Amino acid sequence: MSKFGERIHVHTGDITRLAVDAIVNAANSSLLGGGGVDGAIHRAAGPELEFECRMLNGCKVGEAKLTKGYHLPARYIIHAVGPVWQGGGKGEAGLLASCYIRSLEIAAARDCRTVAFPAISTGIYRYPKNEATQIAVGIAGTFVGQNSTPETVIFCCFDEPTAQLYRQAVAAIEGC
């Protein structure tokens, strides 16, 4: 098995239940919670998370910020703000790639051996799942090819059809 297959995994389930060093939150720019995975992470982490997020003064699209994990099994939460899909001509791909790069850089800087990502921007932000998956897996593959940390990147998918997209993308980079 290639280095990618050993270091990049796809999981179907609830990201808030993963015992990893860091989970990535598909956050909005306020960092104060919202719907989807963002709301689920805030609920599971507890009220201390919102208090810490208020101290961060938000986050720009394409960037990421770190907080403690609080009541989650994960030590840290990396809040990444993805772009809202506007048809693809407004720099969305670069901003989405930046979310993944910044999140991986933060995880590496904190010596996180394991980091789990949701499908950033593919929910209410309407980024096409296939395109978003290609960006996410491509960035992760490049990053793990150039860095020893994180040792394992997990793409945690809410449903099986999304997980299948990630499995296909991982298989494609393994074949390169």
Protein backbone atom coordinates (compact mmCIF):
# COMPACT_ATOMS: atom_id res chain seq x y z
CA MET A 1 0.00 0.00 0.00
CA SER A 2 1.26 3.48 -0.80
CA LYS A 3 2.10 6.13 1.77
CA PHE A 4 -1.20 7.88 0.96
CA GLY A 5 -3.25 4.77 1.73
CA GLU A 6 -1.45 4.42 5.03
CA ARG A 7 -1.88 8.05 6.03
CA ILE A 8 -5.21 9.15 4.49
CA HIS A 9 -8.37 7.40 5.65
CA VAL A 10 -12.07 7.78 4.96
CA HIS A 11 -14.59 7.29 7.76
CA THR A 12 -18.38 7.49 7.72
CA GLY A 13 -19.86 8.79 10.96
CA ASP A 14 -20.03 11.59 13.49
CA ILE A 15 -16.86 13.69 13.62
CA THR A 16 -17.65 14.74 17.21
CA ARG A 17 -17.10 11.15 18.37
CA LEU A 18 -13.63 10.67 16.91
CA ALA A 19 -10.79 10.29 19.39
CA VAL A 20 -8.15 12.17 17.40
CA ASP A 21 -5.72 14.95 18.24
CA ALA A 22 -7.72 17.52 16.25
CA ILE A 23 -10.99 17.74 14.39
CA VAL A 24 -11.63 20.43 11.84
CA ASN A 25 -14.82 22.42 12.09
CA ALA A 26 -16.50 23.69 8.94
CA ALA A 27 -17.04 27.04 10.64
CA ASN A 28 -18.61 30.31 9.62
CA SER A 29 -16.60 33.52 9.88
CA SER A 30 -18.06 34.44 13.29
CA LEU A 31 -16.78 31.14 14.79
CA LEU A 32 -19.83 31.23 17.08
CA GLY A 33 -21.60 28.13 15.82
CA GLY A 34 -24.23 27.53 13.20
CA GLY A 35 -25.89 24.64 11.46
CA GLY A 36 -24.60 21.30 10.24
CA VAL A 37 -21.24 20.07 11.49
CA ASP A 38 -20.49 23.49 13.02
CA GLY A 39 -23.55 23.33 15.27
CA ALA A 40 -22.90 19.69 16.15
CA ILE A 41 -19.31 20.47 17.19
CA HIS A 42 -20.37 23.45 19.30
CA ARG A 43 -23.10 21.41 21.03
CA ALA A 44 -20.77 18.47 21.72
CA ALA A 45 -17.86 20.63 22.92
CA GLY A 46 -20.00 22.59 25.38
CA PRO A 47 -20.42 26.28 26.23
CA GLU A 48 -16.72 26.82 26.93
CA LEU A 49 -16.07 26.57 23.20
CA GLU A 50 -18.26 29.56 22.38
CA PHE A 51 -16.56 31.57 25.11
CA GLU A 52 -13.10 30.83 23.65
CA CYS A 53 -14.33 31.51 20.10
CA ARG A 54 -15.60 34.95 21.15
CA MET A 55 -12.00 35.81 22.13
CA LEU A 56 -10.75 34.96 18.61
CA ASN A 57 -12.65 37.81 16.90
CA GLY A 58 -13.83 35.69 14.00
CA CYS A 59 -11.90 34.22 11.09
CA LYS A 60 -11.53 35.13 7.43
CA VAL A 61 -12.69 32.87 4.62
CA GLY A 62 -9.83 30.57 3.62
CA GLU A 63 -8.23 30.78 7.05
CA ALA A 64 -8.35 28.63 10.21
CA LYS A 65 -8.00 29.13 13.96
CA LEU A 66 -7.40 26.72 16.85
CA THR A 67 -9.31 26.15 20.08
CA LYS A 68 -9.36 23.48 22.76
CA GLY A 69 -11.64 20.49 22.27
CA TYR A 70 -13.38 20.82 25.65
CA HIS A 71 -15.96 18.00 26.01
CA LEU A 72 -15.00 16.33 22.73
CA PRO A 73 -12.67 13.32 22.60
CA ALA A 74 -10.44 15.46 20.33
CA ARG A 75 -7.78 17.58 22.04
CA TYR A 76 -8.23 20.50 19.63
CA ILE A 77 -10.72 21.97 17.20
CA ILE A 78 -9.37 23.72 14.11
CA HIS A 79 -12.06 26.08 12.83
CA ALA A 80 -11.74 26.47 9.04
CA VAL A 81 -13.93 28.94 7.18
CA GLY A 82 -14.69 27.71 3.70
CA PRO A 83 -16.14 29.71 0.84
CA VAL A 84 -19.77 29.91 -0.19
CA TRP A 85 -20.12 28.49 -3.71
CA GLN A 86 -20.91 31.27 -6.18
CA GLY A 87 -20.48 29.37 -9.42
CA GLY A 88 -16.72 28.80 -9.28
CA GLY A 89 -15.54 32.10 -10.70
CA LYS A 90 -15.00 33.98 -7.44
CA GLY A 91 -11.84 32.24 -6.25
CA GLU A 92 -13.71 29.53 -4.37
CA ALA A 93 -11.23 26.76 -5.24
CA GLY A 94 -8.26 28.74 -3.90
CA LEU A 95 -10.12 29.67 -0.73
CA LEU A 96 -11.19 26.07 -0.10
CA ALA A 97 -7.65 24.82 -0.71
CA SER A 98 -6.38 27.45 1.71
CA CYS A 99 -8.73 26.13 4.45
CA TYR A 100 -7.22 22.69 4.16
CA ILE A 101 -3.63 23.94 3.96
CA ARG A 102 -4.02 26.26 6.96
CA SER A 103 -5.72 23.50 8.98
CA LEU A 104 -2.93 21.04 8.23
CA GLU A 105 -0.29 23.64 9.04
CA ILE A 106 -1.96 24.34 12.40
CA ALA A 107 -2.22 20.60 13.13
CA ALA A 108 1.46 20.12 12.30
CA ALA A 109 2.50 23.11 14.42
CA ARG A 110 0.66 21.60 17.41
CA ASP A 111 2.21 18.18 16.73
CA CYS A 112 -1.19 16.59 16.06
CA ARG A 113 -0.58 13.06 14.86
CA THR A 114 -4.21 12.56 13.83
CA VAL A 115 -6.58 15.12 12.30
CA ALA A 116 -10.12 14.62 10.99
CA PHE A 117 -11.85 16.79 8.41
CA PRO A 118 -15.50 17.13 7.46
CA ALA A 119 -16.47 17.95 3.87
CA ILE A 120 -15.86 21.72 4.23
CA SER A 121 -18.26 24.03 2.36
CA THR A 122 -20.36 21.21 0.86
CA GLY A 123 -23.41 21.68 3.06
CA ILE A 124 -25.23 24.98 3.32
CA TYR A 125 -22.36 26.68 1.43
CA ARG A 126 -23.29 24.50 -1.61
CA TYR A 127 -19.77 23.74 -2.89
CA PRO A 128 -20.12 20.84 -5.37
CA LYS A 129 -19.09 17.73 -3.46
CA ASN A 130 -17.04 16.15 -6.22
CA GLU A 131 -14.97 19.30 -6.78
CA ALA A 132 -14.54 19.90 -3.04
CA THR A 133 -13.45 16.30 -2.53
CA GLN A 134 -10.79 16.57 -5.24
CA ILE A 135 -9.39 19.72 -3.61
CA ALA A 136 -9.43 18.24 -0.09
CA VAL A 137 -7.77 14.96 -1.01
CA GLY A 138 -5.26 16.64 -3.33
CA ILE A 139 -4.16 19.07 -0.61
CA ALA A 140 -3.96 16.30 2.02
CA GLY A 141 -1.98 14.04 -0.33
CA THR A 142 0.52 16.77 -1.12
CA PHE A 143 0.83 17.77 2.53
CA VAL A 144 1.44 14.26 3.88
CA GLY A 145 3.90 13.67 1.05
CA GLN A 146 5.97 16.63 2.26
CA ASN A 147 5.45 16.47 6.05
CA SER A 148 5.69 13.80 8.72
CA THR A 149 2.94 15.37 10.84
CA PRO A 150 0.07 14.77 10.89
CA GLU A 151 0.71 11.07 10.56
CA THR A 152 -2.94 10.35 9.74
CA VAL A 153 -5.56 12.46 7.97
CA ILE A 154 -9.14 11.24 8.25
CA PHE A 155 -11.95 12.47 6.06
CA CYS A 156 -15.03 11.97 8.21
CA CYS A 157 -18.11 11.87 6.02
CA PHE A 158 -21.66 12.27 7.23
CA ASP A 159 -23.05 9.77 4.70
CA GLU A 160 -21.90 6.86 2.58
CA PRO A 161 -22.28 8.57 -0.85
CA THR A 162 -19.88 11.31 0.28
CA ALA A 163 -17.49 8.73 1.74
CA GLN A 164 -17.47 6.94 -1.63
CA LEU A 165 -16.41 10.18 -3.36
CA TYR A 166 -13.50 10.47 -0.93
CA ARG A 167 -12.51 6.82 -1.39
CA GLN A 168 -12.43 7.31 -5.17
CA ALA A 169 -10.32 10.47 -4.83
CA VAL A 170 -7.86 8.74 -2.48
CA ALA A 171 -7.61 5.78 -4.87
CA ALA A 172 -6.90 8.18 -7.74
CA ILE A 173 -3.96 9.86 -5.96
CA GLU A 174 -2.62 6.47 -4.92
CA GLY A 175 -2.46 5.55 -8.60
CA CYS A 176 -0.31 8.60 -9.45
